[in-house]
C-alpha atoms as a PDB file:
ATOM      1  CA  MET A   1     149.675 -74.715  35.570  1.00  0.00           C
ATOM      2  CA  SER A   2     147.378 -76.168  38.231  1.00  0.00           C
ATOM      3  CA  TYR A   3     143.620 -75.890  38.569  1.00  0.00           C
ATOM      4  CA  PRO A   4     141.119 -76.289  41.432  1.00  0.00           C
ATOM      5  CA  ASN A   5     142.717 -78.263  44.306  1.00  0.00           C
ATOM      6  CA  ASN A   6     145.494 -79.395  41.925  1.00  0.00           C
ATOM      7  CA  ASP A   7     143.177 -82.196  40.788  1.00  0.00           C
ATOM      8  CA  ILE A   8     144.324 -81.666  37.218  1.00  0.00           C
ATOM      9  CA  SER A   9     147.385 -80.084  35.662  1.00  0.00           C
ATOM     10  CA  TYR A  10     147.984 -78.589  32.243  1.00  0.00           C
ATOM     11  CA  GLU A  11     151.207 -77.493  30.598  1.00  0.00           C
ATOM     12  CA  VAL A  12     152.549 -76.832  27.129  1.00  0.00           C
ATOM     13  CA  LYS A  13     155.870 -78.398  26.133  1.00  0.00           C
ATOM     14  CA  ASP A  14     157.320 -77.878  22.658  1.00  0.00           C
ATOM     15  CA  GLU A  15     153.885 -76.924  21.262  1.00  0.00           C
ATOM     16  CA  ILE A  16     152.237 -80.040  22.738  1.00  0.00           C
ATOM     17  CA  GLY A  17     149.584 -79.626  25.435  1.00  0.00           C
ATOM     18  CA  ILE A  18     149.665 -82.102  28.335  1.00  0.00           C
ATOM     19  CA  LEU A  19     146.486 -82.548  30.401  1.00  0.00           C
ATOM     20  CA  THR A  20     146.884 -84.803  33.442  1.00  0.00           C
ATOM     21  CA  PHE A  21     144.183 -86.067  35.815  1.00  0.00           C
ATOM     22  CA  ASN A  22     145.819 -85.820  39.212  1.00  0.00           C
ATOM     23  CA  ARG A  23     143.807 -87.608  41.897  1.00  0.00           C
ATOM     24  CA  PRO A  24     145.846 -90.828  42.189  1.00  0.00           C
ATOM     25  CA  GLU A  25     144.388 -91.656  45.596  1.00  0.00           C
ATOM     26  CA  ALA A  26     140.956 -91.938  43.921  1.00  0.00           C
ATOM     27  CA  ARG A  27     142.154 -93.435  40.632  1.00  0.00           C
ATOM     28  CA  ASN A  28     141.648 -89.960  39.112  1.00  0.00           C
ATOM     29  CA  ALA A  29     137.866 -90.086  39.526  1.00  0.00           C
ATOM     30  CA  LEU A  30     136.017 -86.985  38.348  1.00  0.00           C
ATOM     31  CA  THR A  31     134.777 -84.459  40.891  1.00  0.00           C
ATOM     32  CA  THR A  32     133.138 -81.095  40.308  1.00  0.00           C
ATOM     33  CA  ASP A  33     136.564 -79.464  40.650  1.00  0.00           C
ATOM     34  CA  VAL A  34     138.083 -81.744  38.029  1.00  0.00           C
ATOM     35  CA  ARG A  35     135.265 -80.968  35.613  1.00  0.00           C
ATOM     36  CA  LEU A  36     135.696 -77.242  36.285  1.00  0.00           C
ATOM     37  CA  GLY A  37     139.423 -77.559  35.698  1.00  0.00           C
ATOM     38  CA  ILE A  38     138.907 -79.274  32.344  1.00  0.00           C
ATOM     39  CA  THR A  39     136.537 -76.469  31.334  1.00  0.00           C
ATOM     40  CA  GLN A  40     139.243 -73.919  32.129  1.00  0.00           C
ATOM     41  CA  VAL A  41     141.825 -75.869  30.132  1.00  0.00           C
ATOM     42  CA  MET A  42     139.530 -76.030  27.103  1.00  0.00           C
ATOM     43  CA  LEU A  43     138.959 -72.275  27.278  1.00  0.00           C
ATOM     44  CA  GLU A  44     142.699 -71.644  27.589  1.00  0.00           C
ATOM     45  CA  ILE A  45     143.483 -73.817  24.570  1.00  0.00           C
ATOM     46  CA  ARG A  46     140.783 -72.145  22.524  1.00  0.00           C
ATOM     47  CA  GLU A  47     141.945 -68.659  23.516  1.00  0.00           C
ATOM     48  CA  LYS A  48     145.696 -69.127  23.039  1.00  0.00           C
ATOM     49  CA  MET A  49     145.690 -71.566  20.084  1.00  0.00           C
ATOM     50  CA  ASN A  50     149.318 -72.358  20.885  1.00  0.00           C
ATOM     51  CA  ILE A  51     149.443 -76.153  20.599  1.00  0.00           C
ATOM     52  CA  LYS A  52     149.806 -78.602  17.732  1.00  0.00           C
ATOM     53  CA  ALA A  53     148.381 -81.601  19.633  1.00  0.00           C
ATOM     54  CA  LEU A  54     147.098 -82.542  23.091  1.00  0.00           C
ATOM     55  CA  VAL A  55     148.113 -85.538  25.216  1.00  0.00           C
ATOM     56  CA  VAL A  56     145.642 -86.609  27.917  1.00  0.00           C
ATOM     57  CA  THR A  57     146.786 -88.928  30.691  1.00  0.00           C
ATOM     58  CA  GLY A  58     146.347 -89.780  34.367  1.00  0.00           C
ATOM     59  CA  SER A  59     148.729 -89.964  37.315  1.00  0.00           C
ATOM     60  CA  GLY A  60     149.422 -92.871  39.643  1.00  0.00           C
ATOM     61  CA  GLY A  61     148.848 -95.751  37.245  1.00  0.00           C
ATOM     62  CA  ASN A  62     145.280 -94.959  36.182  1.00  0.00           C
ATOM     63  CA  PHE A  63     143.681 -92.871  33.450  1.00  0.00           C
ATOM     64  CA  CYS A  64     140.308 -92.039  35.032  1.00  0.00           C
ATOM     65  CA  ALA A  65     137.996 -94.316  37.007  1.00  0.00           C
ATOM     66  CA  GLY A  66     134.888 -92.312  36.092  1.00  0.00           C
ATOM     67  CA  GLY A  67     132.685 -90.189  38.318  1.00  0.00           C
ATOM     68  CA  ASP A  68     133.588 -89.945  41.987  1.00  0.00           C
ATOM     69  CA  ILE A  69     130.910 -92.079  43.678  1.00  0.00           C
ATOM     70  CA  LYS A  70     131.375 -90.237  46.983  1.00  0.00           C
ATOM     71  CA  SER A  71     130.590 -86.925  45.322  1.00  0.00           C
ATOM     72  CA  PHE A  72     127.253 -88.333  44.140  1.00  0.00           C
ATOM     73  CA  GLN A  73     126.046 -88.028  47.731  1.00  0.00           C
ATOM     74  CA  GLU A  74     126.688 -84.273  47.613  1.00  0.00           C
ATOM     75  CA  MET A  75     124.500 -83.712  44.578  1.00  0.00           C
ATOM     76  CA  ALA A  76     121.219 -81.896  44.894  1.00  0.00           C
ATOM     77  CA  PRO A  77     118.400 -84.461  45.153  1.00  0.00           C
ATOM     78  CA  GLU A  78     116.123 -82.869  42.553  1.00  0.00           C
ATOM     79  CA  PRO A  79     116.169 -84.571  39.123  1.00  0.00           C
ATOM     80  CA  THR A  80     116.288 -81.188  37.391  1.00  0.00           C
ATOM     81  CA  ALA A  81     119.467 -80.227  39.267  1.00  0.00           C
ATOM     82  CA  ARG A  82     121.103 -83.548  38.446  1.00  0.00           C
ATOM     83  CA  ARG A  83     120.142 -83.184  34.796  1.00  0.00           C
ATOM     84  CA  GLU A  84     121.716 -79.733  34.741  1.00  0.00           C
ATOM     85  CA  ARG A  85     124.932 -81.131  36.235  1.00  0.00           C
ATOM     86  CA  VAL A  86     125.278 -83.578  33.341  1.00  0.00           C
ATOM     87  CA  ARG A  87     124.400 -80.890  30.812  1.00  0.00           C
ATOM     88  CA  ARG A  88     127.143 -78.626  32.192  1.00  0.00           C
ATOM     89  CA  SER A  89     129.645 -81.427  31.554  1.00  0.00           C
ATOM     90  CA  HIS A  90     128.562 -81.506  27.930  1.00  0.00           C
ATOM     91  CA  ILE A  91     129.703 -77.897  27.505  1.00  0.00           C
ATOM     92  CA  TRP A  92     133.383 -78.708  28.014  1.00  0.00           C
ATOM     93  CA  LEU A  93     132.983 -82.138  26.427  1.00  0.00           C
ATOM     94  CA  ASP A  94     131.836 -80.545  23.169  1.00  0.00           C
ATOM     95  CA  GLU A  95     134.899 -78.293  23.270  1.00  0.00           C
ATOM     96  CA  PHE A  96     137.126 -81.306  23.979  1.00  0.00           C
ATOM     97  CA  LEU A  97     135.622 -83.438  21.224  1.00  0.00           C
ATOM     98  CA  ASN A  98     135.932 -80.653  18.679  1.00  0.00           C
ATOM     99  CA  LEU A  99     139.395 -79.331  19.497  1.00  0.00           C
ATOM    100  CA  GLU A 100     140.923 -78.723  16.082  1.00  0.00           C
ATOM    101  CA  VAL A 101     144.168 -80.500  16.959  1.00  0.00           C
ATOM    102  CA  PRO A 102     144.890 -84.231  17.365  1.00  0.00           C
ATOM    103  CA  VAL A 103     144.088 -85.444  20.893  1.00  0.00           C
ATOM    104  CA  ILE A 104     146.041 -88.468  22.119  1.00  0.00           C
ATOM    105  CA  ALA A 105     145.018 -90.533  25.152  1.00  0.00           C
ATOM    106  CA  ALA A 106     147.779 -92.277  27.138  1.00  0.00           C
ATOM    107  CA  VAL A 107     145.827 -94.856  29.130  1.00  0.00           C
ATOM    108  CA  ASP A 108     147.230 -96.870  32.001  1.00  0.00           C
ATOM    109  CA  GLY A 109     145.066 -98.785  34.465  1.00  0.00           C
ATOM    110  CA  ALA A 110     141.401 -97.878  34.699  1.00  0.00           C
ATOM    111  CA  ALA A 111     139.411 -95.959  32.101  1.00  0.00           C
ATOM    112  CA  MET A 112     135.902 -96.580  33.420  1.00  0.00           C
ATOM    113  CA  GLY A 113     132.541 -94.872  33.071  1.00  0.00           C
ATOM    114  CA  ALA A 114     133.119 -91.197  32.337  1.00  0.00           C
ATOM    115  CA  GLY A 115     136.838 -91.959  31.970  1.00  0.00           C
ATOM    116  CA  PHE A 116     135.940 -94.404  29.203  1.00  0.00           C
ATOM    117  CA  SER A 117     133.849 -91.679  27.553  1.00  0.00           C
ATOM    118  CA  ILE A 118     136.741 -89.185  27.681  1.00  0.00           C
ATOM    119  CA  MET A 119     139.053 -91.796  26.201  1.00  0.00           C
ATOM    120  CA  LEU A 120     136.608 -92.382  23.323  1.00  0.00           C
ATOM    121  CA  ALA A 121     136.567 -88.647  22.584  1.00  0.00           C
ATOM    122  CA  CYS A 122     140.303 -88.736  21.795  1.00  0.00           C
ATOM    123  CA  ASP A 123     141.600 -89.169  18.256  1.00  0.00           C
ATOM    124  CA  PHE A 124     144.261 -91.739  19.145  1.00  0.00           C
ATOM    125  CA  ILE A 125     144.517 -94.100  22.113  1.00  0.00           C
ATOM    126  CA  PHE A 126     147.683 -95.702  23.439  1.00  0.00           C
ATOM    127  CA  CYS A 127     147.386 -98.036  26.393  1.00  0.00           C
ATOM    128  CA  THR A 128     149.467-100.340  28.565  1.00  0.00           C
ATOM    129  CA  PRO A 129     148.958-104.099  29.012  1.00  0.00           C
ATOM    130  CA  ARG A 130     147.308-103.434  32.365  1.00  0.00           C
ATOM    131  CA  ALA A 131     144.721-100.993  30.974  1.00  0.00           C
ATOM    132  CA  ARG A 132     141.100-101.916  31.638  1.00  0.00           C
ATOM    133  CA  CYS A 133     138.277 -99.979  29.983  1.00  0.00           C
ATOM    134  CA  SER A 134     134.481-100.084  30.247  1.00  0.00           C
ATOM    135  CA  GLY A 135     131.286 -98.112  29.937  1.00  0.00           C
ATOM    136  CA  ILE A 136     130.427 -99.603  33.288  1.00  0.00           C
ATOM    137  CA  PHE A 137     127.485 -97.326  34.152  1.00  0.00           C
ATOM    138  CA  VAL A 138     124.981-100.200  34.228  1.00  0.00           C
ATOM    139  CA  ARG A 139     126.542-101.529  37.444  1.00  0.00           C
ATOM    140  CA  THR A 140     125.315 -98.450  39.316  1.00  0.00           C
ATOM    141  CA  GLY A 141     121.926 -98.330  37.618  1.00  0.00           C
ATOM    142  CA  LEU A 142     122.847 -95.293  35.506  1.00  0.00           C
ATOM    143  CA  ILE A 143     122.945 -94.711  31.769  1.00  0.00           C
ATOM    144  CA  PRO A 144     126.180 -93.941  29.891  1.00  0.00           C
ATOM    145  CA  ASP A 145     126.927 -90.232  29.734  1.00  0.00           C
ATOM    146  CA  MET A 146     129.750 -87.827  28.834  1.00  0.00           C
ATOM    147  CA  GLY A 147     129.063 -88.523  25.167  1.00  0.00           C
ATOM    148  CA  CYS A 148     129.444 -92.310  25.386  1.00  0.00           C
ATOM    149  CA  LEU A 149     126.060 -93.019  23.765  1.00  0.00           C
ATOM    150  CA  PHE A 150     127.055 -90.796  20.843  1.00  0.00           C
ATOM    151  CA  LEU A 151     130.666 -91.923  20.417  1.00  0.00           C
ATOM    152  CA  LEU A 152     130.738 -95.667  21.083  1.00  0.00           C
ATOM    153  CA  PRO A 153     128.266 -96.795  18.354  1.00  0.00           C
ATOM    154  CA  ARG A 154     130.123 -94.667  15.823  1.00  0.00           C
ATOM    155  CA  LEU A 155     133.421 -96.291  16.745  1.00  0.00           C
ATOM    156  CA  VAL A 156     132.442 -99.958  17.132  1.00  0.00           C
ATOM    157  CA  GLY A 157     128.990-100.211  15.545  1.00  0.00           C
ATOM    158  CA  LEU A 158     125.546-100.234  17.117  1.00  0.00           C
ATOM    159  CA  GLN A 159     125.328-103.951  17.875  1.00  0.00           C
ATOM    160  CA  LYS A 160     128.706-104.084  19.630  1.00  0.00           C
ATOM    161  CA  ALA A 161     127.872-100.915  21.557  1.00  0.00           C
ATOM    162  CA  ARG A 162     124.699-102.602  22.812  1.00  0.00           C
ATOM    163  CA  GLU A 163     126.722-105.559  24.067  1.00  0.00           C
ATOM    164  CA  LEU A 164     129.332-103.430  25.817  1.00  0.00           C
ATOM    165  CA  LEU A 165     126.908-101.002  27.454  1.00  0.00           C
ATOM    166  CA  TYR A 166     124.150-103.443  28.413  1.00  0.00           C
ATOM    167  CA  THR A 167     126.668-105.773  30.083  1.00  0.00           C
ATOM    168  CA  GLY A 168     129.246-103.327  31.426  1.00  0.00           C
ATOM    169  CA  LYS A 169     131.919-105.656  30.078  1.00  0.00           C
ATOM    170  CA  ILE A 170     135.485-104.711  30.997  1.00  0.00           C
ATOM    171  CA  LEU A 171     137.777-104.662  27.971  1.00  0.00           C
ATOM    172  CA  LYS A 172     141.414-105.706  27.964  1.00  0.00           C
ATOM    173  CA  PRO A 173     143.953-104.191  25.533  1.00  0.00           C
ATOM    174  CA  ASP A 174     143.776-107.020  22.996  1.00  0.00           C
ATOM    175  CA  GLU A 175     139.981-106.689  22.876  1.00  0.00           C
ATOM    176  CA  MET A 176     140.230-102.924  22.409  1.00  0.00           C
ATOM    177  CA  GLN A 177     142.699-103.415  19.577  1.00  0.00           C
ATOM    178  CA  ALA A 178     140.394-105.928  17.907  1.00  0.00           C
ATOM    179  CA  LEU A 179     137.616-103.317  18.030  1.00  0.00           C
ATOM    180  CA  GLY A 180     139.890-100.695  16.475  1.00  0.00           C
ATOM    181  CA  LEU A 181     139.802 -98.479  19.566  1.00  0.00           C
ATOM    182  CA  VAL A 182     143.494 -98.663  20.470  1.00  0.00           C
ATOM    183  CA  THR A 183     146.287 -97.448  18.213  1.00  0.00           C
ATOM    184  CA  ASP A 184     149.027 -99.347  20.032  1.00  0.00           C
ATOM    185  CA  VAL A 185     149.818-101.158  23.299  1.00  0.00           C
ATOM    186  CA  VAL A 186     153.061-100.082  24.980  1.00  0.00           C
ATOM    187  CA  ASP A 187     154.823-100.766  28.277  1.00  0.00           C
ATOM    188  CA  GLU A 188     153.940 -98.666  31.314  1.00  0.00           C
ATOM    189  CA  ASP A 189     157.433 -97.174  31.506  1.00  0.00           C
ATOM    190  CA  SER A 190     157.325 -95.845  27.957  1.00  0.00           C
ATOM    191  CA  LEU A 191     153.623 -94.953  27.659  1.00  0.00           C
ATOM    192  CA  PHE A 192     153.876 -91.199  28.085  1.00  0.00           C
ATOM    193  CA  ASP A 193     157.025 -90.807  25.993  1.00  0.00           C
ATOM    194  CA  HIS A 194     155.460 -92.899  23.233  1.00  0.00           C
ATOM    195  CA  ALA A 195     152.293 -90.774  23.220  1.00  0.00           C
ATOM    196  CA  PHE A 196     154.254 -87.515  23.447  1.00  0.00           C
ATOM    197  CA  ASN A 197     156.592 -88.443  20.580  1.00  0.00           C
ATOM    198  CA  PHE A 198     153.589 -89.466  18.486  1.00  0.00           C
ATOM    199  CA  ALA A 199     151.912 -86.126  19.237  1.00  0.00           C
ATOM    200  CA  SER A 200     155.114 -84.217  18.480  1.00  0.00           C
ATOM    201  CA  ARG A 201     155.123 -85.371  14.857  1.00  0.00           C
ATOM    202  CA  PHE A 202     152.104 -83.139  14.313  1.00  0.00           C
ATOM    203  CA  ARG A 203     154.309 -80.096  15.018  1.00  0.00           C
ATOM    204  CA  HIS A 204     155.375 -80.461  11.376  1.00  0.00           C
ATOM    205  CA  ALA A 205     151.821 -80.638  10.014  1.00  0.00           C
ATOM    206  CA  SER A 206     149.348 -77.948   9.015  1.00  0.00           C
ATOM    207  CA  THR A 207     147.118 -77.249  11.997  1.00  0.00           C
ATOM    208  CA  THR A 208     144.620 -75.646   9.630  1.00  0.00           C
ATOM    209  CA  SER A 209     144.409 -78.744   7.442  1.00  0.00           C
ATOM    210  CA  ILE A 210     144.101 -81.200  10.332  1.00  0.00           C
ATOM    211  CA  GLY A 211     141.698 -78.955  12.238  1.00  0.00           C
ATOM    212  CA  ILE A 212     139.290 -78.599   9.317  1.00  0.00           C
ATOM    213  CA  THR A 213     139.560 -82.305   8.484  1.00  0.00           C
ATOM    214  CA  LYS A 214     138.695 -83.200  12.080  1.00  0.00           C
ATOM    215  CA  ASN A 215     135.813 -80.724  12.143  1.00  0.00           C
ATOM    216  CA  ILE A 216     134.245 -82.252   9.026  1.00  0.00           C
ATOM    217  CA  LEU A 217     134.889 -85.860  10.095  1.00  0.00           C
ATOM    218  CA  ASN A 218     133.071 -85.141  13.351  1.00  0.00           C
ATOM    219  CA  GLN A 219     129.997 -84.202  11.318  1.00  0.00           C
ATOM    220  CA  SER A 220     130.200 -86.994   8.764  1.00  0.00           C
ATOM    221  CA  PHE A 221     127.958 -89.559  10.474  1.00  0.00           C
ATOM    222  CA  HIS A 222     125.001 -87.225  10.909  1.00  0.00           C
ATOM    223  CA  SER A 223     125.281 -85.168   7.710  1.00  0.00           C
ATOM    224  CA  ASP A 224     124.281 -86.047   4.174  1.00  0.00           C
ATOM    225  CA  HIS A 225     126.632 -86.269   1.203  1.00  0.00           C
ATOM    226  CA  ARG A 226     125.717 -82.809  -0.104  1.00  0.00           C
ATOM    227  CA  THR A 227     126.469 -81.149   3.242  1.00  0.00           C
ATOM    228  CA  ILE A 228     129.867 -82.839   3.540  1.00  0.00           C
ATOM    229  CA  SER A 229     130.703 -81.940  -0.063  1.00  0.00           C
ATOM    230  CA  GLU A 230     129.981 -78.289   0.630  1.00  0.00           C
ATOM    231  CA  LEU A 231     132.081 -78.382   3.809  1.00  0.00           C
ATOM    232  CA  GLU A 232     134.931 -79.933   1.811  1.00  0.00           C
ATOM    233  CA  ALA A 233     134.729 -77.104  -0.711  1.00  0.00           C
ATOM    234  CA  TYR A 234     134.797 -74.400   1.961  1.00  0.00           C
ATOM    235  CA  GLY A 235     137.573 -76.127   3.878  1.00  0.00           C
ATOM    236  CA  GLN A 236     139.739 -76.624   0.819  1.00  0.00           C
ATOM    237  CA  ALA A 237     139.376 -72.960  -0.112  1.00  0.00           C
ATOM    238  CA  VAL A 238     140.734 -71.991   3.307  1.00  0.00           C
ATOM    239  CA  CYS A 239     143.644 -74.448   3.116  1.00  0.00           C
ATOM    240  CA  PHE A 240     144.658 -73.292  -0.371  1.00  0.00           C
ATOM    241  CA  ASP A 241     145.173 -69.814   1.067  1.00  0.00           C
ATOM    242  CA  THR A 242     147.659 -70.822   3.799  1.00  0.00           C
ATOM    243  CA  ASP A 243     151.394 -70.252   3.898  1.00  0.00           C
ATOM    244  CA  TYR A 244     151.805 -73.930   4.742  1.00  0.00           C
ATOM    245  CA  HIS A 245     150.191 -75.000   1.460  1.00  0.00           C
ATOM    246  CA  ARG A 246     152.226 -72.525  -0.567  1.00  0.00           C
ATOM    247  CA  ASP A 247     155.441 -73.756   1.058  1.00  0.00           C
ATOM    248  CA  ALA A 248     154.440 -77.408   0.482  1.00  0.00           C
ATOM    249  CA  ILE A 249     153.895 -76.743  -3.244  1.00  0.00           C
ATOM    250  CA  ASP A 250     157.213 -74.932  -3.471  1.00  0.00           C
ATOM    251  CA  ARG A 251     158.969 -77.875  -1.810  1.00  0.00           C
ATOM    252  CA  PHE A 252     157.356 -80.284  -4.242  1.00  0.00           C
ATOM    253  CA  LEU A 253     158.326 -78.261  -7.317  1.00  0.00           C
ATOM    254  CA  THR A 254     161.910 -77.748  -6.107  1.00  0.00           C
ATOM    255  CA  LYS A 255     162.246 -81.376  -4.974  1.00  0.00           C
ATOM    256  CA  LYS A 256     162.756 -80.495  -1.312  1.00  0.00           C
ATOM    257  CA  PRO A 257     161.569 -82.877   1.432  1.00  0.00           C
ATOM    258  CA  ALA A 258     158.023 -82.284   2.673  1.00  0.00           C
ATOM    259  CA  GLN A 259     157.699 -80.804   6.152  1.00  0.00           C
ATOM    260  CA  PHE A 260     155.223 -83.507   7.120  1.00  0.00           C
ATOM    261  CA  ASP A 261     156.196 -87.014   6.055  1.00  0.00           C
ATOM    262  CA  TRP A 262     154.818 -89.449   8.640  1.00  0.00           C
ATOM    263  CA  ALA A 263     157.013 -92.387   7.632  1.00  0.00           C
ATOM    264  CA  ARG A 264     160.166 -90.261   7.832  1.00  0.00           C
ATOM    265  CA  LEU A 265     159.200 -88.735  11.176  1.00  0.00           C
ATOM    266  CA  GLU A 266     158.395 -92.177  12.573  1.00  0.00           C
ATOM    267  CA  LYS A 267     161.808 -93.482  11.520  1.00  0.00           C
ATOM    268  CA  GLU A 268     163.494 -90.451  13.100  1.00  0.00           C
ATOM    269  CA  ASP A 269     161.645 -91.138  16.368  1.00  0.00           C
ATOM    270  CA  GLN A 270     162.695 -94.780  16.332  1.00  0.00           C
ATOM    271  CA  ALA A 271     166.309 -93.825  15.617  1.00  0.00           C
ATOM    272  CA  GLY A 272     166.220 -91.339  18.485  1.00  0.00           C
ATOM    273  CA  LEU A 273     164.968 -93.989  20.891  1.00  0.00           C
ATOM    274  CA  LYS A 274     167.828 -96.309  19.904  1.00  0.00           C
ATOM    275  CA  ASP A 275     170.373 -93.557  20.562  1.00  0.00           C
END
């Protein structure tokens, strides 16, 4: 399915959603149409609830170079209008960040500015050796947005976030791995397949269990122990009452293989690649 001006595409393949930024001539920079398209995708996912995971990637050798600088000239000059534009982005960003399925970023080339922020909002990040990532806003005299000021300190710590955002330093894959941001570095030719196969393992998992776990984890840094404990209790009560849990217990008692065994699924993927 395509969205405004075909600047993004979204499809579902074998229960895995695939969201692609599709402005290769502009390194997939974000325009108003792209932002609108992402909003529509988030609403579609929320309405249909028909995916087990989401892969986010970019076309033409780049993930997303951030906001389209040319489109900045088209913005209304009033500060209130510009503030509202950023706030509108936060509507779909909140939906994206809190999707109750694993979200996997497949990053090639540039993930800069807002593209860096979107990458940080994903649960897992795979990148190629030529990936370059930065919260580079300072170069244009702007502050980080699209959730970067919320996400980055939680992922790398406050002091490191200061360094990266004050300097606009561009990170290479080995640096991102050292910070714990990147799950794995893979060749350009196998990036998408690697991310898709990784996402596909979650087809065997309980969407309810992972969704509730993700929901609570997303609240863990700004909630106290008592609040998280209560959320755990409510979440566990819901999971106990699922067919997936009942089947998992039955498999355990009858010594059948579990539906979701990450090590086994990983080996099966590796064997499939060799074939």
